[in-house]
Amino acid sequence: MALNFDEFQKVVETAQQADAVKTDLKRALKKVTSALGGLQAALEEMETVLSDEYVATPKTRKPRAPKEAGDPSAPAKKPGRPKKSQA
């Protein structure tokens, strides 16, 4: 039985191409699975919002922290952009 290296090389190349296709398919499957998970989460949120028992929670703002006075003798900053100096 003689070995035909041309046929053997074709078999190896076909296997390498199949591995590349398999890797691409795995990557695409991960993306699709991730997208479906996001869609499922969005559907569950919509069901919650559209249910009869849903009550929206009012948004509250955090209280502002008072500004710290660094140097009391320094003049207060004026609002707006600083004037351009002509040089």
N, C-alpha and C. Protein backbone atom coordinates (compact mmCIF):
# COMPACT_ATOMS: atom_id res chain seq x y z
N MET A 1 0.85 -1.18 0.00
CA MET A 1 0.00 0.00 0.00
C MET A 1 0.89 1.24 0.00
N ALA A 2 0.79 2.02 -1.06
CA ALA A 2 1.61 3.21 -1.20
C ALA A 2 0.87 4.42 -0.62
N LEU A 3 1.63 5.30 0.02
CA LEU A 3 1.05 6.51 0.58
C LEU A 3 1.04 7.61 -0.47
N ASN A 4 -0.09 8.23 -0.62
CA ASN A 4 -0.20 9.36 -1.54
C ASN A 4 -0.18 10.64 -0.70
N PHE A 5 0.94 11.34 -0.74
CA PHE A 5 1.10 12.52 0.11
C PHE A 5 0.20 13.66 -0.31
N ASP A 6 -0.18 13.73 -1.57
CA ASP A 6 -1.10 14.79 -2.01
C ASP A 6 -2.46 14.63 -1.35
N GLU A 7 -2.96 13.41 -1.30
CA GLU A 7 -4.25 13.17 -0.66
C GLU A 7 -4.16 13.41 0.85
N PHE A 8 -3.04 13.00 1.43
CA PHE A 8 -2.85 13.21 2.87
C PHE A 8 -2.82 14.71 3.18
N GLN A 9 -2.16 15.50 2.33
CA GLN A 9 -2.09 16.94 2.53
C GLN A 9 -3.49 17.56 2.39
N LYS A 10 -4.29 17.09 1.47
CA LYS A 10 -5.65 17.59 1.30
C LYS A 10 -6.50 17.29 2.54
N VAL A 11 -6.33 16.10 3.10
CA VAL A 11 -7.07 15.73 4.31
C VAL A 11 -6.69 16.65 5.47
N VAL A 12 -5.40 16.91 5.61
CA VAL A 12 -4.92 17.80 6.69
C VAL A 12 -5.46 19.21 6.49
N GLU A 13 -5.43 19.73 5.28
CA GLU A 13 -5.93 21.09 5.01
C GLU A 13 -7.43 21.17 5.28
N THR A 14 -8.17 20.15 4.90
CA THR A 14 -9.61 20.12 5.15
C THR A 14 -9.89 20.12 6.65
N ALA A 15 -9.11 19.37 7.41
CA ALA A 15 -9.28 19.33 8.86
C ALA A 15 -8.98 20.69 9.47
N GLN A 16 -7.95 21.37 8.98
CA GLN A 16 -7.60 22.70 9.51
C GLN A 16 -8.70 23.71 9.20
N GLN A 17 -9.27 23.62 8.00
CA GLN A 17 -10.36 24.51 7.63
C GLN A 17 -11.59 24.23 8.49
N ALA A 18 -11.84 22.96 8.78
CA ALA A 18 -12.98 22.61 9.62
C ALA A 18 -12.78 23.15 11.03
N ASP A 19 -11.56 23.10 11.55
CA ASP A 19 -11.28 23.66 12.88
C ASP A 19 -11.50 25.17 12.89
N ALA A 20 -11.10 25.84 11.82
CA ALA A 20 -11.30 27.29 11.74
C ALA A 20 -12.80 27.62 11.70
N VAL A 21 -13.55 26.86 10.93
CA VAL A 21 -15.00 27.07 10.86
C VAL A 21 -15.64 26.80 12.21
N LYS A 22 -15.20 25.75 12.88
CA LYS A 22 -15.74 25.41 14.19
C LYS A 22 -15.48 26.54 15.19
N THR A 23 -14.29 27.12 15.15
CA THR A 23 -13.94 28.23 16.04
C THR A 23 -14.82 29.44 15.75
N ASP A 24 -15.03 29.74 14.48
CA ASP A 24 -15.91 30.86 14.12
C ASP A 24 -17.33 30.62 14.59
N LEU A 25 -17.81 29.39 14.43
CA LEU A 25 -19.16 29.07 14.87
C LEU A 25 -19.30 29.18 16.38
N LYS A 26 -18.29 28.75 17.13
CA LYS A 26 -18.33 28.88 18.59
C LYS A 26 -18.39 30.34 19.00
N ARG A 27 -17.59 31.18 18.34
CA ARG A 27 -17.58 32.61 18.64
C ARG A 27 -18.96 33.23 18.35
N ALA A 28 -19.54 32.88 17.22
CA ALA A 28 -20.86 33.40 16.87
C ALA A 28 -21.92 32.91 17.84
N LEU A 29 -21.82 31.66 18.27
CA LEU A 29 -22.78 31.12 19.22
C LEU A 29 -22.70 31.86 20.55
N LYS A 30 -21.50 32.19 21.00
CA LYS A 30 -21.36 32.95 22.24
C LYS A 30 -22.02 34.32 22.12
N LYS A 31 -21.84 34.98 20.97
CA LYS A 31 -22.45 36.29 20.76
C LYS A 31 -23.97 36.19 20.75
N VAL A 32 -24.49 35.18 20.08
CA VAL A 32 -25.94 35.00 20.01
C VAL A 32 -26.50 34.68 21.40
N THR A 33 -25.81 33.85 22.15
CA THR A 33 -26.25 33.50 23.49
C THR A 33 -26.27 34.74 24.38
N SER A 34 -25.27 35.57 24.25
CA SER A 34 -25.21 36.81 25.04
C SER A 34 -26.36 37.74 24.65
N ALA A 35 -26.61 37.87 23.37
CA ALA A 35 -27.71 38.73 22.91
C ALA A 35 -29.06 38.21 23.39
N LEU A 36 -29.24 36.90 23.34
CA LEU A 36 -30.50 36.32 23.81
C LEU A 36 -30.68 36.53 25.32
N GLY A 37 -29.60 36.45 26.06
CA GLY A 37 -29.67 36.72 27.50
C GLY A 37 -30.09 38.15 27.77
N GLY A 38 -29.54 39.09 27.00
CA GLY A 38 -29.94 40.49 27.14
C GLY A 38 -31.39 40.71 26.78
N LEU A 39 -31.84 40.07 25.73
CA LEU A 39 -33.25 40.18 25.34
C LEU A 39 -34.17 39.59 26.39
N GLN A 40 -33.77 38.47 26.97
CA GLN A 40 -34.58 37.85 28.01
C GLN A 40 -34.68 38.77 29.22
N ALA A 41 -33.59 39.40 29.61
CA ALA A 41 -33.60 40.33 30.74
C ALA A 41 -34.49 41.53 30.43
N ALA A 42 -34.44 42.04 29.20
CA ALA A 42 -35.28 43.17 28.82
C ALA A 42 -36.76 42.79 28.85
N LEU A 43 -37.07 41.57 28.38
CA LEU A 43 -38.47 41.12 28.42
C LEU A 43 -38.98 40.99 29.85
N GLU A 44 -38.15 40.46 30.73
CA GLU A 44 -38.56 40.34 32.12
C GLU A 44 -38.79 41.71 32.74
N GLU A 45 -37.93 42.67 32.40
CA GLU A 45 -38.11 44.03 32.93
C GLU A 45 -39.39 44.66 32.40
N MET A 46 -39.67 44.44 31.11
CA MET A 46 -40.91 44.98 30.54
C MET A 46 -42.14 44.36 31.19
N GLU A 47 -42.10 43.06 31.46
CA GLU A 47 -43.21 42.41 32.13
C GLU A 47 -43.43 43.02 33.51
N THR A 48 -42.34 43.32 34.20
CA THR A 48 -42.44 43.93 35.52
C THR A 48 -43.05 45.32 35.42
N VAL A 49 -42.59 46.11 34.47
CA VAL A 49 -43.08 47.48 34.33
C VAL A 49 -44.54 47.49 33.90
N LEU A 50 -44.93 46.57 33.06
CA LEU A 50 -46.30 46.56 32.54
C LEU A 50 -47.29 45.84 33.46
N SER A 51 -46.82 45.26 34.54
CA SER A 51 -47.75 44.55 35.42
C SER A 51 -48.62 45.55 36.17
N ASP A 52 -49.77 45.09 36.61
CA ASP A 52 -50.72 45.95 37.31
C ASP A 52 -50.20 46.37 38.69
N GLU A 53 -49.35 45.58 39.30
CA GLU A 53 -48.86 45.87 40.64
C GLU A 53 -47.66 46.81 40.65
N TYR A 54 -47.15 47.16 39.49
CA TYR A 54 -45.92 47.96 39.42
C TYR A 54 -46.17 49.38 39.91
N VAL A 55 -45.30 49.86 40.78
CA VAL A 55 -45.33 51.24 41.25
C VAL A 55 -43.92 51.80 41.07
N ALA A 56 -43.84 52.88 40.33
CA ALA A 56 -42.54 53.48 40.07
C ALA A 56 -41.99 54.11 41.35
N THR A 57 -40.72 53.91 41.58
CA THR A 57 -40.10 54.52 42.76
C THR A 57 -39.62 55.91 42.38
N PRO A 58 -39.94 56.89 43.21
CA PRO A 58 -39.49 58.25 42.88
C PRO A 58 -37.98 58.35 43.00
N LYS A 59 -37.41 59.10 42.10
CA LYS A 59 -35.96 59.27 42.12
C LYS A 59 -35.62 60.37 43.11
N THR A 60 -34.61 60.12 43.90
CA THR A 60 -34.17 61.12 44.86
C THR A 60 -32.76 61.56 44.51
N ARG A 61 -32.51 62.82 44.73
CA ARG A 61 -31.19 63.36 44.44
C ARG A 61 -30.36 63.35 45.71
N LYS A 62 -29.09 63.14 45.54
CA LYS A 62 -28.19 63.20 46.69
C LYS A 62 -28.03 64.66 47.09
N PRO A 63 -27.98 64.93 48.38
CA PRO A 63 -27.78 66.33 48.79
C PRO A 63 -26.37 66.78 48.43
N ARG A 64 -26.27 68.04 48.05
CA ARG A 64 -24.96 68.58 47.68
C ARG A 64 -24.13 68.81 48.92
N ALA A 65 -22.88 68.52 48.80
CA ALA A 65 -21.96 68.79 49.89
C ALA A 65 -21.60 70.27 49.85
N PRO A 66 -21.53 70.92 51.00
CA PRO A 66 -21.17 72.35 50.98
C PRO A 66 -19.75 72.53 50.47
N LYS A 67 -19.57 73.63 49.75
CA LYS A 67 -18.23 73.92 49.21
C LYS A 67 -17.30 74.25 50.35
N GLU A 68 -16.10 73.79 50.23
CA GLU A 68 -15.10 74.08 51.25
C GLU A 68 -14.44 75.42 50.92
N ALA A 69 -14.35 76.25 51.91
CA ALA A 69 -13.70 77.54 51.72
C ALA A 69 -12.22 77.37 51.99
N GLY A 70 -11.42 77.45 50.94
CA GLY A 70 -9.98 77.25 51.08
C GLY A 70 -9.31 78.43 51.76
N ASP A 71 -9.38 79.59 51.15
CA ASP A 71 -8.75 80.78 51.70
C ASP A 71 -9.83 81.85 51.83
N PRO A 72 -10.20 82.24 53.04
CA PRO A 72 -11.30 83.21 53.19
C PRO A 72 -10.95 84.59 52.64
N SER A 73 -9.68 84.92 52.52
CA SER A 73 -9.31 86.25 52.03
C SER A 73 -9.31 86.32 50.50
N ALA A 74 -9.38 85.17 49.82
CA ALA A 74 -9.37 85.15 48.36
C ALA A 74 -10.71 85.63 47.83
N PRO A 75 -10.69 86.41 46.73
CA PRO A 75 -11.97 86.88 46.17
C PRO A 75 -12.76 85.72 45.57
N ALA A 76 -14.06 85.85 45.57
CA ALA A 76 -14.92 84.81 45.01
C ALA A 76 -14.75 84.77 43.49
N LYS A 77 -14.83 83.59 42.93
CA LYS A 77 -14.69 83.45 41.48
C LYS A 77 -15.98 83.90 40.81
N LYS A 78 -15.82 84.61 39.71
CA LYS A 78 -16.98 85.04 38.94
C LYS A 78 -17.37 83.91 37.99
N PRO A 79 -18.66 83.74 37.74
CA PRO A 79 -19.07 82.69 36.81
C PRO A 79 -18.72 83.07 35.38
N GLY A 80 -18.53 82.08 34.55
CA GLY A 80 -18.28 82.32 33.14
C GLY A 80 -16.83 82.07 32.77
N ARG A 81 -16.52 82.36 31.52
CA ARG A 81 -15.18 82.12 31.01
C ARG A 81 -14.26 83.29 31.38
N PRO A 82 -13.00 83.00 31.59
CA PRO A 82 -12.06 84.11 31.89
C PRO A 82 -11.82 84.94 30.62
N LYS A 83 -11.56 86.21 30.82
CA LYS A 83 -11.30 87.09 29.70
C LYS A 83 -9.94 86.78 29.10
N LYS A 84 -9.85 86.92 27.79
CA LYS A 84 -8.56 86.70 27.12
C LYS A 84 -7.71 87.94 27.33
N SER A 85 -6.45 87.69 27.66
CA SER A 85 -5.54 88.82 27.80
C SER A 85 -4.83 89.04 26.48
N GLN A 86 -4.67 90.31 26.11
CA GLN A 86 -3.99 90.63 24.85
C GLN A 86 -2.51 90.75 25.12
N ALA A 87 -1.73 89.91 24.46
CA ALA A 87 -0.29 89.94 24.69
C ALA A 87 0.43 90.33 23.43
